[in-house]
Amino acid sequence: MTKTIYISLPVSNLDTSIVFYKALGFEDKPQFSSVDTACMRWSDAICVMLLSHAKWRTLTQRPFPPAGTSASMLSLALESREAVDAMNVAAAAHGGQADANPPEDHGFMYSRDIADPDGHLWGTFWMDPTAMPAADQG
């Protein structure tokens, strides 16, 4: 099997989350989904498993983070600044939050963060490594 990342996220409303992630460009993979889960494919190597709270509880008894807090932020590299802007528009139009953090524009890198309907943070960014200032290339 190819090395793949499956990111599991607890969601309060599976149907709402499926609509949200489809609007961002994720593909629904029904063969890996069930009544309590949805597998949303970003690429050949990255999938997000959306899990109802009941299903999540079969995996862990750790408490859900309080609303308005975050334990992590995952980032998605996009092909252009326009794609970053479009994803923010789609997030806001489908129950999420655009610009969950202040946008950043460094010339060679442009980012705008979004939150899904449950508050899971996603950094969306475009970068041109060839345009990085010499001091930033490490």
Protein backbone atom coordinates (compact mmCIF):
# COMPACT_ATOMS: atom_id res chain seq x y z
CA MET A 1 0.00 0.00 0.00
CA THR A 2 1.18 3.52 -0.81
CA LYS A 3 2.00 5.71 2.17
CA THR A 4 -1.16 7.67 2.85
CA ILE A 5 -2.34 10.08 5.53
CA TYR A 6 -5.86 9.65 6.91
CA ILE A 7 -6.84 12.59 9.09
CA SER A 8 -9.74 11.78 11.43
CA LEU A 9 -12.00 14.64 12.53
CA PRO A 10 -15.04 14.47 14.83
CA VAL A 11 -17.99 16.36 13.36
CA SER A 12 -21.34 17.25 14.86
CA ASN A 13 -23.30 16.92 11.60
CA LEU A 14 -21.93 14.49 9.03
CA ASP A 15 -24.14 15.66 6.14
CA THR A 16 -23.21 19.33 6.71
CA SER A 17 -19.52 18.44 6.83
CA ILE A 18 -19.70 16.38 3.63
CA VAL A 19 -21.27 19.35 1.79
CA PHE A 20 -18.60 21.67 3.22
CA TYR A 21 -15.64 19.49 2.23
CA LYS A 22 -17.06 18.82 -1.26
CA ALA A 23 -17.36 22.60 -1.74
CA LEU A 24 -13.64 22.90 -0.95
CA GLY A 25 -12.74 20.35 -3.62
CA PHE A 26 -12.56 17.14 -1.59
CA GLU A 27 -13.98 14.03 -3.29
CA ASP A 28 -16.42 11.80 -1.39
CA LYS A 29 -15.21 8.18 -1.33
CA PRO A 30 -18.38 6.21 -0.46
CA GLN A 31 -16.61 2.83 -0.53
CA PHE A 32 -14.73 3.93 2.62
CA SER A 33 -17.74 5.59 4.26
CA SER A 34 -20.62 4.43 6.43
CA VAL A 35 -23.66 5.83 8.21
CA ASP A 36 -21.32 7.33 10.86
CA THR A 37 -18.29 8.19 8.70
CA ALA A 38 -17.33 9.84 5.44
CA CYS A 39 -14.01 9.49 3.67
CA MET A 40 -13.15 12.69 1.82
CA ARG A 41 -10.18 12.43 -0.59
CA TRP A 42 -7.92 15.45 -1.11
CA SER A 43 -5.25 13.64 -3.14
CA ASP A 44 -3.92 10.15 -3.76
CA ALA A 45 -2.04 10.39 -0.46
CA ILE A 46 -4.36 12.45 1.76
CA CYS A 47 -7.88 11.64 2.97
CA VAL A 48 -9.99 13.16 5.72
CA MET A 49 -12.20 10.81 7.70
CA LEU A 50 -15.21 12.68 9.04
CA LEU A 51 -16.60 10.84 12.06
CA SER A 52 -19.86 11.43 13.90
CA HIS A 53 -19.35 12.12 17.58
CA ALA A 54 -20.74 8.67 18.38
CA LYS A 55 -18.22 7.01 16.05
CA TRP A 56 -15.41 9.17 17.43
CA ARG A 57 -16.27 7.91 20.91
CA THR A 58 -15.51 4.33 19.76
CA LEU A 59 -11.93 5.51 19.08
CA THR A 60 -11.20 7.62 22.14
CA GLN A 61 -12.77 8.88 25.33
CA ARG A 62 -10.62 12.03 25.42
CA PRO A 63 -12.75 15.16 25.75
CA PHE A 64 -13.67 17.23 22.72
CA PRO A 65 -11.82 20.56 22.69
CA PRO A 66 -13.96 23.45 23.95
CA ALA A 67 -15.59 25.54 21.21
CA GLY A 68 -13.32 28.32 20.00
CA THR A 69 -10.09 26.44 20.77
CA SER A 70 -7.83 24.44 18.49
CA ALA A 71 -5.33 21.67 18.99
CA SER A 72 -3.90 21.78 15.47
CA MET A 73 -4.15 23.39 12.07
CA LEU A 74 -3.70 21.39 8.89
CA SER A 75 -2.54 23.16 5.74
CA LEU A 76 -3.42 22.69 2.08
CA ALA A 77 -1.07 23.92 -0.66
CA LEU A 78 -3.01 25.32 -3.61
CA GLU A 79 -2.01 26.18 -7.16
CA SER A 80 -2.59 29.95 -7.05
CA ARG A 81 -3.57 32.97 -4.98
CA GLU A 82 -6.95 32.85 -6.71
CA ALA A 83 -7.45 29.26 -5.55
CA VAL A 84 -6.73 30.36 -1.95
CA ASP A 85 -9.31 33.14 -2.27
CA ALA A 86 -11.85 30.79 -3.89
CA MET A 87 -11.48 28.26 -1.06
CA ASN A 88 -12.16 31.02 1.49
CA VAL A 89 -15.30 32.04 -0.39
CA ALA A 90 -16.44 28.39 -0.55
CA ALA A 91 -15.77 27.89 3.16
CA ALA A 92 -17.89 30.89 4.13
CA ALA A 93 -20.69 29.91 1.74
CA HIS A 94 -20.93 26.36 3.12
CA GLY A 95 -21.09 26.82 6.88
CA GLY A 96 -17.43 27.43 7.65
CA GLN A 97 -15.42 30.53 8.48
CA ALA A 98 -13.21 32.41 6.05
CA ASP A 99 -10.14 34.21 7.37
CA ALA A 100 -10.19 32.41 10.72
CA ASN A 101 -6.82 34.12 11.25
CA PRO A 102 -5.55 37.29 9.56
CA PRO A 103 -4.47 36.71 5.93
CA GLU A 104 -0.73 36.84 5.21
CA ASP A 105 0.96 38.01 2.00
CA HIS A 106 4.74 37.72 1.85
CA GLY A 107 4.96 38.09 -1.92
CA PHE A 108 6.34 34.59 -2.49
CA MET A 109 3.70 33.09 -0.15
CA TYR A 110 0.04 33.96 0.34
CA SER A 111 -2.19 32.35 2.97
CA ARG A 112 -5.71 32.58 4.33
CA ASP A 113 -6.96 30.25 7.05
CA ILE A 114 -10.44 28.72 7.19
CA ALA A 115 -12.42 26.79 9.77
CA ASP A 116 -14.91 24.03 8.98
CA PRO A 117 -18.41 24.02 10.56
CA ASP A 118 -16.96 22.34 13.68
CA GLY A 119 -14.08 24.80 14.00
CA HIS A 120 -11.30 22.55 12.64
CA LEU A 121 -8.65 24.89 11.24
CA TRP A 122 -7.19 24.60 7.75
CA GLY A 123 -4.41 26.81 6.45
CA THR A 124 -4.81 27.41 2.71
CA PHE A 125 -1.76 28.79 0.97
CA TRP A 126 0.03 29.35 -2.31
CA MET A 127 3.81 29.57 -2.47
CA ASP A 128 6.45 30.15 -5.13
CA PRO A 129 9.68 28.85 -3.55
CA THR A 130 11.75 30.30 -6.41
CA ALA A 131 10.63 33.80 -5.39
CA MET A 132 11.68 33.44 -1.74
CA PRO A 133 14.16 36.05 -0.57
CA ALA A 134 17.63 34.55 -0.17
CA ALA A 135 17.61 35.13 3.62
CA ASP A 136 14.44 32.98 3.94
CA GLN A 137 15.81 29.99 2.02
CA GLY A 138 17.12 27.67 4.56
